[in-house]
């Protein structure tokens, strides 16, 4: 397998790609939507909400956390997860720029 050559792209491009990759699974979107609804929760709450096994939910939470989309704070024996608003500020800024550019150009 070849190198991804991420060093050839800007920090911003790599950041958006990381966030987009983490958002590229419907289970992760469902987890984010659930976190928006409840504000914060533990893994077991998400397992009860989604049709996924606990190890699968944990893996998706890990991917979202590694990308910076969610935060996890240790509370006793559990980790309490919530949305990391900084990631969505980055996505909002990026997609607003894209939308404004596309709206101006109206090609094809």
N, C-alpha and C. Protein backbone atom coordinates (compact mmCIF):
# COMPACT_ATOMS: atom_id res chain seq x y z
N UNK A 1 0.85 -1.18 0.00
CA UNK A 1 0.00 0.00 0.00
C UNK A 1 0.89 1.24 0.00
N UNK A 2 0.58 2.22 -0.83
CA UNK A 2 1.40 3.41 -0.96
C UNK A 2 1.20 4.39 0.18
N UNK A 3 2.13 5.32 0.27
CA UNK A 3 2.05 6.36 1.29
C UNK A 3 0.95 7.35 0.93
N UNK A 4 0.31 7.91 1.94
CA UNK A 4 -0.78 8.84 1.68
C UNK A 4 -0.27 10.23 1.36
N UNK A 5 0.98 10.52 1.70
CA UNK A 5 1.61 11.80 1.40
C UNK A 5 0.83 12.99 1.96
N UNK A 6 0.30 12.81 3.17
CA UNK A 6 -0.45 13.91 3.79
C UNK A 6 0.41 15.14 4.01
N UNK A 7 1.73 14.94 4.06
CA UNK A 7 2.62 16.09 4.25
C UNK A 7 2.61 17.03 3.05
N UNK A 8 2.06 16.58 1.92
CA UNK A 8 1.98 17.43 0.74
C UNK A 8 0.77 18.37 0.77
N UNK A 9 -0.04 18.26 1.82
CA UNK A 9 -1.24 19.07 1.92
C UNK A 9 -1.16 19.96 3.15
N UNK A 10 -1.95 21.01 3.15
CA UNK A 10 -1.90 21.97 4.26
C UNK A 10 -2.48 21.34 5.53
N UNK A 11 -2.16 21.96 6.64
CA UNK A 11 -2.69 21.50 7.93
C UNK A 11 -4.22 21.56 7.91
N UNK A 12 -4.75 22.61 7.32
CA UNK A 12 -6.21 22.77 7.23
C UNK A 12 -6.84 21.66 6.38
N UNK A 13 -6.23 21.35 5.26
CA UNK A 13 -6.75 20.28 4.40
C UNK A 13 -6.72 18.94 5.11
N UNK A 14 -5.65 18.66 5.82
CA UNK A 14 -5.55 17.42 6.58
C UNK A 14 -6.57 17.37 7.70
N UNK A 15 -6.81 18.51 8.35
CA UNK A 15 -7.79 18.56 9.44
C UNK A 15 -9.19 18.29 8.93
N UNK A 16 -9.57 18.93 7.84
CA UNK A 16 -10.91 18.72 7.26
C UNK A 16 -11.05 17.25 6.81
N UNK A 17 -10.01 16.69 6.21
CA UNK A 17 -10.06 15.30 5.76
C UNK A 17 -10.23 14.34 6.93
N UNK A 18 -9.54 14.60 8.03
CA UNK A 18 -9.67 13.76 9.22
C UNK A 18 -11.08 13.81 9.78
N UNK A 19 -11.63 15.02 9.86
CA UNK A 19 -12.99 15.18 10.37
C UNK A 19 -14.00 14.50 9.44
N UNK A 20 -13.83 14.70 8.14
CA UNK A 20 -14.76 14.10 7.17
C UNK A 20 -14.69 12.57 7.21
N UNK A 21 -13.49 12.03 7.34
CA UNK A 21 -13.34 10.58 7.41
C UNK A 21 -14.05 10.03 8.64
N UNK A 22 -13.90 10.71 9.76
CA UNK A 22 -14.56 10.26 10.99
C UNK A 22 -16.08 10.34 10.87
N UNK A 23 -16.58 11.27 10.07
CA UNK A 23 -18.02 11.43 9.88
C UNK A 23 -18.56 10.49 8.80
N UNK A 24 -17.68 9.72 8.17
CA UNK A 24 -18.06 8.91 7.02
C UNK A 24 -18.70 7.57 7.34
N UNK A 25 -19.32 7.43 8.48
CA UNK A 25 -20.01 6.18 8.81
C UNK A 25 -21.34 6.53 9.46
N UNK A 26 -22.44 5.90 9.02
CA UNK A 26 -23.76 6.24 9.57
C UNK A 26 -23.88 6.01 11.07
N UNK A 27 -23.16 5.03 11.61
CA UNK A 27 -23.22 4.80 13.07
C UNK A 27 -22.63 6.00 13.81
N UNK A 28 -21.59 6.59 13.26
CA UNK A 28 -20.97 7.75 13.91
C UNK A 28 -21.89 8.97 13.83
N UNK A 29 -22.58 9.09 12.73
CA UNK A 29 -23.57 10.18 12.61
C UNK A 29 -24.67 9.97 13.65
N UNK A 30 -25.12 8.74 13.81
CA UNK A 30 -26.16 8.43 14.80
C UNK A 30 -25.66 8.75 16.22
N UNK A 31 -24.40 8.44 16.49
CA UNK A 31 -23.83 8.76 17.81
C UNK A 31 -23.81 10.25 18.03
N UNK A 32 -23.39 11.01 17.03
CA UNK A 32 -23.36 12.47 17.16
C UNK A 32 -24.77 13.01 17.37
N UNK A 33 -25.72 12.52 16.60
CA UNK A 33 -27.11 12.99 16.77
C UNK A 33 -27.63 12.67 18.16
N UNK A 34 -27.29 11.50 18.68
CA UNK A 34 -27.71 11.14 20.03
C UNK A 34 -27.06 12.06 21.05
N UNK A 35 -25.77 12.34 20.89
CA UNK A 35 -25.08 13.25 21.82
C UNK A 35 -25.67 14.66 21.76
N UNK A 36 -26.10 15.09 20.58
CA UNK A 36 -26.73 16.41 20.48
C UNK A 36 -28.05 16.43 21.25
N UNK A 37 -28.75 15.31 21.22
CA UNK A 37 -30.04 15.22 21.89
C UNK A 37 -29.89 15.19 23.41
N UNK A 38 -28.90 14.44 23.91
CA UNK A 38 -28.78 14.25 25.36
C UNK A 38 -27.68 15.11 25.99
N UNK A 39 -26.87 15.76 25.18
CA UNK A 39 -25.78 16.63 25.61
C UNK A 39 -24.54 15.85 26.04
N UNK A 40 -24.68 14.86 26.91
CA UNK A 40 -23.56 14.02 27.31
C UNK A 40 -24.08 12.69 27.81
N UNK A 41 -23.24 11.65 27.67
CA UNK A 41 -23.66 10.33 28.13
C UNK A 41 -22.47 9.40 28.18
N UNK A 42 -22.68 8.21 28.71
CA UNK A 42 -21.65 7.18 28.72
C UNK A 42 -21.91 6.18 27.59
N UNK A 43 -20.93 5.36 27.31
CA UNK A 43 -21.02 4.40 26.21
C UNK A 43 -22.26 3.50 26.34
N UNK A 44 -22.57 3.05 27.55
CA UNK A 44 -23.72 2.17 27.75
C UNK A 44 -25.02 2.80 27.30
N UNK A 45 -25.15 4.12 27.49
CA UNK A 45 -26.36 4.82 27.03
C UNK A 45 -26.49 4.74 25.52
N UNK A 46 -25.36 4.89 24.82
CA UNK A 46 -25.37 4.83 23.36
C UNK A 46 -25.67 3.41 22.89
N UNK A 47 -25.10 2.42 23.57
CA UNK A 47 -25.36 1.02 23.24
C UNK A 47 -26.85 0.73 23.35
N UNK A 48 -27.50 1.28 24.37
CA UNK A 48 -28.94 1.08 24.54
C UNK A 48 -29.76 1.77 23.46
N UNK A 49 -29.21 2.80 22.87
CA UNK A 49 -29.92 3.60 21.86
C UNK A 49 -29.75 3.03 20.44
N UNK A 50 -28.60 2.48 20.15
CA UNK A 50 -28.29 2.04 18.79
C UNK A 50 -28.33 0.50 18.67
N UNK A 51 -28.57 -0.01 17.47
CA UNK A 51 -28.60 -1.46 17.26
C UNK A 51 -27.20 -2.03 17.03
N UNK A 52 -26.27 -1.68 17.92
CA UNK A 52 -24.88 -2.09 17.78
C UNK A 52 -24.37 -2.69 19.09
N UNK A 53 -23.44 -3.59 18.99
CA UNK A 53 -22.83 -4.19 20.18
C UNK A 53 -21.92 -3.18 20.86
N UNK A 54 -21.69 -3.39 22.13
CA UNK A 54 -20.86 -2.47 22.92
C UNK A 54 -19.45 -2.30 22.33
N UNK A 55 -18.77 -3.38 21.92
CA UNK A 55 -17.43 -3.17 21.34
C UNK A 55 -17.46 -2.33 20.06
N UNK A 56 -18.52 -2.47 19.27
CA UNK A 56 -18.65 -1.69 18.04
C UNK A 56 -18.85 -0.21 18.38
N UNK A 57 -19.72 0.07 19.33
CA UNK A 57 -19.94 1.46 19.76
C UNK A 57 -18.64 2.05 20.30
N UNK A 58 -17.93 1.29 21.10
CA UNK A 58 -16.66 1.77 21.65
C UNK A 58 -15.66 2.12 20.55
N UNK A 59 -15.61 1.30 19.51
CA UNK A 59 -14.70 1.58 18.40
C UNK A 59 -15.10 2.86 17.67
N UNK A 60 -16.38 3.06 17.45
CA UNK A 60 -16.84 4.29 16.79
C UNK A 60 -16.57 5.51 17.68
N UNK A 61 -16.77 5.37 18.97
CA UNK A 61 -16.45 6.47 19.89
C UNK A 61 -14.97 6.80 19.84
N UNK A 62 -14.14 5.78 19.76
CA UNK A 62 -12.69 5.99 19.68
C UNK A 62 -12.33 6.78 18.42
N UNK A 63 -12.93 6.41 17.29
CA UNK A 63 -12.66 7.12 16.03
C UNK A 63 -13.11 8.58 16.11
N UNK A 64 -14.29 8.81 16.67
CA UNK A 64 -14.78 10.18 16.81
C UNK A 64 -13.90 10.99 17.77
N UNK A 65 -13.46 10.36 18.83
CA UNK A 65 -12.60 11.05 19.80
C UNK A 65 -11.23 11.35 19.20
N UNK A 66 -10.64 10.39 18.50
CA UNK A 66 -9.34 10.60 17.87
C UNK A 66 -9.37 11.72 16.84
N UNK A 67 -10.50 11.89 16.17
CA UNK A 67 -10.64 12.96 15.18
C UNK A 67 -10.93 14.31 15.84
N UNK A 68 -11.26 14.30 17.12
CA UNK A 68 -11.55 15.56 17.82
C UNK A 68 -13.00 15.99 17.74
N UNK A 69 -13.88 15.09 17.31
CA UNK A 69 -15.29 15.44 17.15
C UNK A 69 -16.03 15.35 18.47
N UNK A 70 -15.60 14.43 19.33
CA UNK A 70 -16.20 14.31 20.66
C UNK A 70 -15.09 14.37 21.71
N UNK A 71 -15.49 14.65 22.93
CA UNK A 71 -14.58 14.65 24.07
C UNK A 71 -15.07 13.58 25.03
N UNK A 72 -14.16 13.04 25.81
CA UNK A 72 -14.52 12.07 26.82
C UNK A 72 -13.87 12.42 28.14
N UNK A 73 -14.67 12.55 29.18
CA UNK A 73 -14.17 12.86 30.52
C UNK A 73 -14.44 11.67 31.43
N UNK A 74 -13.43 11.29 32.18
CA UNK A 74 -13.56 10.15 33.08
C UNK A 74 -14.40 10.55 34.28
N UNK A 75 -15.44 9.75 34.53
CA UNK A 75 -16.31 9.95 35.68
C UNK A 75 -16.46 8.60 36.38
N UNK A 76 -15.69 8.39 37.42
CA UNK A 76 -15.71 7.11 38.11
C UNK A 76 -15.14 6.03 37.23
N UNK A 77 -15.93 4.98 36.99
CA UNK A 77 -15.48 3.87 36.14
C UNK A 77 -15.84 4.08 34.68
N UNK A 78 -16.49 5.15 34.35
CA UNK A 78 -16.99 5.37 32.99
C UNK A 78 -16.37 6.61 32.36
N UNK A 79 -16.52 6.70 31.06
CA UNK A 79 -16.14 7.90 30.33
C UNK A 79 -17.42 8.56 29.85
N UNK A 80 -17.57 9.82 30.18
CA UNK A 80 -18.75 10.59 29.77
C UNK A 80 -18.40 11.35 28.49
N UNK A 81 -19.13 11.09 27.41
CA UNK A 81 -18.84 11.68 26.11
C UNK A 81 -19.75 12.86 25.82
N UNK A 82 -19.20 13.84 25.09
CA UNK A 82 -19.98 14.99 24.63
C UNK A 82 -19.35 15.51 23.33
N UNK A 83 -20.08 16.34 22.63
CA UNK A 83 -19.62 16.95 21.38
C UNK A 83 -18.50 17.93 21.68
N UNK A 84 -17.47 17.95 20.84
CA UNK A 84 -16.42 18.97 20.93
C UNK A 84 -16.76 20.05 19.91
N UNK A 85 -17.24 21.17 20.41
CA UNK A 85 -17.73 22.23 19.52
C UNK A 85 -16.65 22.80 18.62
N UNK A 86 -15.39 22.69 18.98
CA UNK A 86 -14.31 23.23 18.14
C UNK A 86 -14.27 22.55 16.78
N UNK A 87 -14.48 21.26 16.75
CA UNK A 87 -14.47 20.54 15.47
C UNK A 87 -15.58 21.04 14.56
N UNK A 88 -16.73 21.31 15.12
CA UNK A 88 -17.85 21.77 14.29
C UNK A 88 -17.70 23.23 13.88
N UNK A 89 -16.95 24.01 14.63
CA UNK A 89 -16.62 25.37 14.20
C UNK A 89 -15.73 25.31 12.97
N UNK A 90 -14.76 24.39 12.98
CA UNK A 90 -13.86 24.22 11.83
C UNK A 90 -14.67 23.78 10.61
N UNK A 91 -15.55 22.79 10.78
CA UNK A 91 -16.37 22.32 9.66
C UNK A 91 -17.32 23.41 9.16
N UNK A 92 -17.91 24.15 10.08
CA UNK A 92 -18.82 25.23 9.70
C UNK A 92 -18.10 26.28 8.86
N UNK A 93 -16.93 26.70 9.30
CA UNK A 93 -16.15 27.69 8.56
C UNK A 93 -15.81 27.18 7.17
N UNK A 94 -15.36 25.94 7.10
CA UNK A 94 -14.98 25.36 5.82
C UNK A 94 -16.17 25.27 4.87
N UNK A 95 -17.28 24.70 5.35
CA UNK A 95 -18.42 24.50 4.46
C UNK A 95 -19.12 25.81 4.10
N UNK A 96 -19.09 26.80 4.96
CA UNK A 96 -19.63 28.11 4.59
C UNK A 96 -18.82 28.70 3.43
N UNK A 97 -17.51 28.55 3.49
CA UNK A 97 -16.64 29.02 2.41
C UNK A 97 -16.96 28.29 1.12
N UNK A 98 -17.13 26.98 1.18
CA UNK A 98 -17.46 26.20 0.00
C UNK A 98 -18.81 26.63 -0.58
N UNK A 99 -19.80 26.78 0.28
CA UNK A 99 -21.15 27.17 -0.16
C UNK A 99 -21.13 28.54 -0.82
N UNK A 100 -20.43 29.49 -0.22
CA UNK A 100 -20.36 30.84 -0.82
C UNK A 100 -19.68 30.79 -2.18
N UNK A 101 -18.62 30.03 -2.31
CA UNK A 101 -17.90 29.91 -3.58
C UNK A 101 -18.78 29.25 -4.64
N UNK A 102 -19.44 28.17 -4.28
CA UNK A 102 -20.29 27.45 -5.24
C UNK A 102 -21.48 28.32 -5.66
N UNK A 103 -22.05 29.06 -4.72
CA UNK A 103 -23.20 29.91 -5.02
C UNK A 103 -22.82 31.01 -6.02
N UNK A 104 -21.60 31.51 -5.94
CA UNK A 104 -21.13 32.58 -6.85
C UNK A 104 -20.89 32.06 -8.25
N UNK A 105 -20.33 30.85 -8.35
CA UNK A 105 -19.86 30.35 -9.63
C UNK A 105 -20.96 29.76 -10.51
N UNK A 106 -21.88 29.02 -9.97
CA UNK A 106 -23.00 28.43 -10.70
C UNK A 106 -22.60 27.93 -12.09
N UNK A 107 -21.72 26.98 -12.14
CA UNK A 107 -21.27 26.44 -13.43
C UNK A 107 -22.15 25.26 -13.87
N UNK A 108 -21.91 24.81 -15.05
CA UNK A 108 -22.53 23.62 -15.65
C UNK A 108 -24.01 23.79 -15.77
